[in-house]
Each structure stands twice: as structure tokens, then as C-alpha cells.
C-alpha atoms as a PDB file:
ATOM      1  CA  MET A   1    -136.303-108.899-157.630  1.00  0.00           C
ATOM      2  CA  SER A   2    -134.652-109.058-153.962  1.00  0.00           C
ATOM      3  CA  GLY A   3    -132.127-111.664-154.619  1.00  0.00           C
ATOM      4  CA  LEU A   4    -130.603-108.801-157.620  1.00  0.00           C
ATOM      5  CA  LEU A   5    -131.095-106.127-155.157  1.00  0.00           C
ATOM      6  CA  LYS A   6    -129.210-107.638-152.407  1.00  0.00           C
ATOM      7  CA  SER A   7    -126.722-108.208-154.881  1.00  0.00           C
ATOM      8  CA  ARG A   8    -126.369-104.964-155.853  1.00  0.00           C
ATOM      9  CA  GLN A   9    -125.851-103.637-152.247  1.00  0.00           C
ATOM     10  CA  THR A  10    -123.077-106.573-151.792  1.00  0.00           C
ATOM     11  CA  ASP A  11    -121.265-105.233-154.661  1.00  0.00           C
ATOM     12  CA  LEU A  12    -121.791-101.762-153.244  1.00  0.00           C
ATOM     13  CA  HIS A  13    -120.414-102.319-150.497  1.00  0.00           C
ATOM     14  CA  GLU A  14    -117.667-103.990-151.688  1.00  0.00           C
ATOM     15  CA  GLU A  15    -116.782-100.739-153.484  1.00  0.00           C
ATOM     16  CA  VAL A  16    -117.072 -98.506-150.413  1.00  0.00           C
ATOM     17  CA  HIS A  17    -115.175-100.746-148.434  1.00  0.00           C
ATOM     18  CA  ARG A  18    -111.565-101.848-149.832  1.00  0.00           C
ATOM     19  CA  PRO A  19    -109.842-104.797-148.445  1.00  0.00           C
ATOM     20  CA  ARG A  20    -107.635-103.986-145.702  1.00  0.00           C
ATOM     21  CA  SER A  21    -104.103-105.968-144.778  1.00  0.00           C
ATOM     22  CA  ALA A  22    -103.567-107.688-141.542  1.00  0.00           C
ATOM     23  CA  HIS A  23    -101.796-104.244-139.911  1.00  0.00           C
ATOM     24  CA  GLY A  24    -105.719-102.650-140.651  1.00  0.00           C
ATOM     25  CA  ARG A  25    -104.123-100.485-143.677  1.00  0.00           C
ATOM     26  CA  GLU A  26    -106.023-100.026-147.186  1.00  0.00           C
ATOM     27  CA  ALA A  27    -104.213-103.066-149.153  1.00  0.00           C
ATOM     28  CA  LYS A  28    -101.659-102.124-151.883  1.00  0.00           C
ATOM     29  CA  MET A  29    -102.644-101.533-155.421  1.00  0.00           C
ATOM     30  CA  ARG A  30    -101.636-104.136-158.234  1.00  0.00           C
ATOM     31  CA  PHE A  31    -100.786-103.191-161.449  1.00  0.00           C
ATOM     32  CA  ASP A  32    -100.079-105.695-164.306  1.00  0.00           C
ATOM     33  CA  PRO A  33     -96.272-105.456-165.045  1.00  0.00           C
ATOM     34  CA  PHE A  34     -96.876-104.288-168.722  1.00  0.00           C
ATOM     35  CA  TYR A  35     -98.094-101.199-168.347  1.00  0.00           C
ATOM     36  CA  VAL A  36     -96.079-100.404-165.545  1.00  0.00           C
ATOM     37  CA  VAL A  37     -93.172-100.533-168.105  1.00  0.00           C
ATOM     38  CA  LEU A  38     -95.108 -98.803-171.135  1.00  0.00           C
ATOM     39  CA  ALA A  39     -96.138 -95.922-168.377  1.00  0.00           C
ATOM     40  CA  CYS A  40     -92.273 -95.592-167.216  1.00  0.00           C
ATOM     41  CA  PHE A  41     -90.613 -95.751-171.245  1.00  0.00           C
ATOM     42  CA  SER A  42     -94.075 -92.709-171.782  1.00  0.00           C
ATOM     43  CA  VAL A  43     -93.057 -90.309-168.978  1.00  0.00           C
ATOM     44  CA  SER A  44     -89.103 -91.532-169.119  1.00  0.00           C
ATOM     45  CA  SER A  45     -89.204 -90.628-173.247  1.00  0.00           C
ATOM     46  CA  LEU A  46     -91.398 -87.411-172.417  1.00  0.00           C
ATOM     47  CA  ALA A  47     -89.245 -86.524-169.961  1.00  0.00           C
ATOM     48  CA  GLY A  48     -86.466 -87.256-172.545  1.00  0.00           C
ATOM     49  CA  LEU A  49     -87.599 -84.642-174.851  1.00  0.00           C
ATOM     50  CA  ALA A  50     -88.553 -81.800-172.565  1.00  0.00           C
ATOM     51  CA  SER A  51     -84.338 -81.910-171.805  1.00  0.00           C
ATOM     52  CA  LEU A  52     -84.330 -81.710-175.391  1.00  0.00           C
ATOM     53  CA  LEU A  53     -86.306 -78.512-175.530  1.00  0.00           C
ATOM     54  CA  ARG A  54     -84.951 -77.183-172.674  1.00  0.00           C
ATOM     55  CA  SER A  55     -81.156 -77.607-173.502  1.00  0.00           C
ATOM     56  CA  GLY A  56     -82.420 -75.202-176.814  1.00  0.00           C
ATOM     57  CA  LYS A  57     -80.217 -77.747-179.178  1.00  0.00           C
ATOM     58  CA  PRO A  58     -82.312 -76.984-182.898  1.00  0.00           C
ATOM     59  CA  LEU A  59     -85.539 -79.475-183.507  1.00  0.00           C
ATOM     60  CA  THR A  60     -85.173 -82.201-186.076  1.00  0.00           C
ATOM     61  CA  TRP A  61     -86.670 -85.330-186.181  1.00  0.00           C
ATOM     62  CA  TYR A  62     -83.296 -87.431-186.392  1.00  0.00           C
ATOM     63  CA  ALA A  63     -82.896 -84.705-182.681  1.00  0.00           C
ATOM     64  CA  ILE A  64     -86.208 -85.523-181.459  1.00  0.00           C
ATOM     65  CA  PHE A  65     -85.895 -89.909-182.319  1.00  0.00           C
ATOM     66  CA  SER A  66     -82.898 -90.059-180.499  1.00  0.00           C
ATOM     67  CA  ALA A  67     -83.939 -87.932-176.866  1.00  0.00           C
ATOM     68  CA  VAL A  68     -87.187 -89.862-177.214  1.00  0.00           C
ATOM     69  CA  LEU A  69     -85.531 -92.935-177.578  1.00  0.00           C
ATOM     70  CA  ASN A  70     -82.816 -92.430-175.385  1.00  0.00           C
ATOM     71  CA  GLY A  71     -84.793 -91.306-172.229  1.00  0.00           C
ATOM     72  CA  GLY A  72     -87.798 -94.141-172.498  1.00  0.00           C
ATOM     73  CA  LEU A  73     -84.958 -96.449-172.741  1.00  0.00           C
ATOM     74  CA  LEU A  74     -83.345 -95.651-169.888  1.00  0.00           C
ATOM     75  CA  GLY A  75     -86.865 -95.405-167.924  1.00  0.00           C
ATOM     76  CA  VAL A  76     -87.823 -99.595-169.281  1.00  0.00           C
ATOM     77  CA  ALA A  77     -83.679 -99.796-167.960  1.00  0.00           C
ATOM     78  CA  ILE A  78     -84.685 -98.428-164.907  1.00  0.00           C
ATOM     79  CA  CYS A  79     -88.415 -99.672-164.677  1.00  0.00           C
ATOM     80  CA  LEU A  80     -86.873-103.643-164.971  1.00  0.00           C
ATOM     81  CA  LEU A  81     -83.826-103.170-162.756  1.00  0.00           C
ATOM     82  CA  TRP A  82     -86.369-101.595-159.588  1.00  0.00           C
ATOM     83  CA  TYR A  83     -89.445-103.679-160.301  1.00  0.00           C
ATOM     84  CA  ASN A  84     -89.133-105.958-157.388  1.00  0.00           C
ATOM     85  CA  TYR A  85     -88.198-103.972-155.514  1.00  0.00           C
ATOM     86  CA  PHE A  86     -91.300-100.780-156.049  1.00  0.00           C
ATOM     87  CA  GLU A  87     -93.337-103.616-157.051  1.00  0.00           C
ATOM     88  CA  ASN A  88     -95.958-102.399-154.150  1.00  0.00           C
ATOM     89  CA  ASN A  89     -95.234 -98.212-154.556  1.00  0.00           C
ATOM     90  CA  VAL A  90     -95.258 -97.544-158.386  1.00  0.00           C
ATOM     91  CA  PHE A  91     -95.568 -94.565-158.646  1.00  0.00           C
ATOM     92  CA  PHE A  92     -92.427 -93.917-156.885  1.00  0.00           C
ATOM     93  CA  LEU A  93     -90.815 -96.139-159.588  1.00  0.00           C
ATOM     94  CA  VAL A  94     -93.096 -93.816-162.239  1.00  0.00           C
ATOM     95  CA  GLY A  95     -90.876 -91.143-160.858  1.00  0.00           C
ATOM     96  CA  LEU A  96     -87.341 -92.839-160.453  1.00  0.00           C
ATOM     97  CA  CYS A  97     -87.873 -92.967-164.605  1.00  0.00           C
ATOM     98  CA  VAL A  98     -88.832 -89.931-165.037  1.00  0.00           C
ATOM     99  CA  LEU A  99     -85.524 -88.202-163.621  1.00  0.00           C
ATOM    100  CA  ALA A 100     -83.881 -91.135-165.662  1.00  0.00           C
ATOM    101  CA  GLY A 101     -85.320 -89.543-168.683  1.00  0.00           C
ATOM    102  CA  LEU A 102     -84.143 -86.068-167.705  1.00  0.00           C
ATOM    103  CA  GLY A 103     -80.979 -87.241-166.754  1.00  0.00           C
ATOM    104  CA  GLY A 104     -80.668 -89.974-169.085  1.00  0.00           C
ATOM    105  CA  MET A 105     -80.522 -86.264-172.187  1.00  0.00           C
ATOM    106  CA  SER A 106     -77.734 -84.899-170.309  1.00  0.00           C
ATOM    107  CA  LEU A 107     -75.526 -87.776-169.683  1.00  0.00           C
ATOM    108  CA  LEU A 108     -75.614 -88.524-173.593  1.00  0.00           C
ATOM    109  CA  ASP A 109     -74.946 -84.828-174.366  1.00  0.00           C
ATOM    110  CA  PHE A 110     -71.878 -85.257-172.380  1.00  0.00           C
ATOM    111  CA  ILE A 111     -70.731 -88.375-173.914  1.00  0.00           C
ATOM    112  CA  LEU A 112     -70.985 -86.479-177.415  1.00  0.00           C
ATOM    113  CA  VAL A 113     -69.372 -83.857-176.736  1.00  0.00           C
ATOM    114  CA  ILE A 114     -65.951 -85.618-175.260  1.00  0.00           C
ATOM    115  CA  PHE A 115     -66.650 -87.367-178.399  1.00  0.00           C
ATOM    116  CA  ALA A 116     -66.551 -84.497-180.637  1.00  0.00           C
ATOM    117  CA  ARG A 117     -63.570 -82.947-178.918  1.00  0.00           C
ATOM    118  CA  GLY A 118     -61.614 -85.702-179.397  1.00  0.00           C
ATOM    119  CA  GLY A 119     -61.776 -87.992-176.340  1.00  0.00           C
ATOM    120  CA  LEU A 120     -61.441 -87.183-172.217  1.00  0.00           C
ATOM    121  CA  SER A 121     -57.659 -85.723-171.401  1.00  0.00           C
ATOM    122  CA  ILE A 122     -57.169 -86.469-167.451  1.00  0.00           C
ATOM    123  CA  ILE A 123     -53.854 -85.322-166.637  1.00  0.00           C
ATOM    124  CA  LEU A 124     -53.174 -86.310-163.065  1.00  0.00           C
ATOM    125  CA  ASN A 125     -49.348 -84.664-162.679  1.00  0.00           C
ATOM    126  CA  SER A 126     -47.145 -83.777-165.937  1.00  0.00           C
ATOM    127  CA  ALA A 127     -43.463 -84.532-165.420  1.00  0.00           C
ATOM    128  CA  ALA A 128     -43.238 -79.771-165.089  1.00  0.00           C
ATOM    129  CA  GLU A 129     -45.624 -79.914-162.121  1.00  0.00           C
ATOM    130  CA  LYS A 130     -43.629 -82.882-160.538  1.00  0.00           C
ATOM    131  CA  LYS A 131     -40.194 -81.154-161.048  1.00  0.00           C
ATOM    132  CA  ASP A 132     -41.897 -78.017-159.417  1.00  0.00           C
ATOM    133  CA  VAL A 133     -43.207 -79.996-156.360  1.00  0.00           C
ATOM    134  CA  ASP A 134     -39.660 -81.828-156.266  1.00  0.00           C
ATOM    135  CA  ASP A 135     -37.719 -78.324-156.380  1.00  0.00           C
ATOM    136  CA  LYS A 136     -40.164 -76.818-153.357  1.00  0.00           C
ATOM    137  CA  LYS A 137     -39.417 -79.388-151.321  1.00  0.00           C
END
């Protein structure tokens, strides 16, 4: 019986005293990369849906699916690109994915407005403006 009690005391000791790194700080938590990517997809897709709700557009199944998928895929792309850099700070990475989900819908709306209006037209100097500038010199 004393051996069982001693092993339980050792387990409690390990739970209370977390492992520390060489510098005396607590060791960083490690997460399974699959679950990190899944969490990034989930929070960024919800952020994309929140962005859609905030925009005031009519809610259709197509719009909801598009917002969730667009935000989620942008979050997964950010997660896959930056996972190696933020492996020890997963919560920061998930926060970046939330911002990607929010900004992704804005970018998609901007692109759709450009195509709906027939493209983007940028005029640097027209011939009439150039002639006016030359006459003033």
C-alpha cells in the first residue's frame, strides 16, 4: 500500500511543479499542430462570419458559406505560413488568424466591388492635365 501512496504523491508533485527551462522559466506548452490548424480555421471562419454580419448585407446560405470558407482558409494559410515562427506562442498565431478572418471578408468585398464596377481604373496623368501643367510652366 505504501508504494501506491508514494506513486500518487509523486504524481501530485509533478502536477504542482511544472518543468522549467534552463533559464528558470516555465517550459512552453506544446500543442499538436493539427489542433492548432483546426483552431485557426475555426476562429478565423467565425471572424469572417462576424464580418459578414457587421457589413449589413442580406444573409443567404451562399453568403454565409462564402464568408466562413473565405475566413477559414485565410486563417489556415496564415497558420501554415507562420507556424514555425510562432510554434512557442500559439495563442498569438490564433489571434493573427482571427485578424485574417476579419480582414479577409473586407478584402473579398473590395475585390467583388471592383469586378462589379467593371474593373479598376487608375489615371495618373491625362493628356489634358499634362497640357495644363505644361502651359503653367
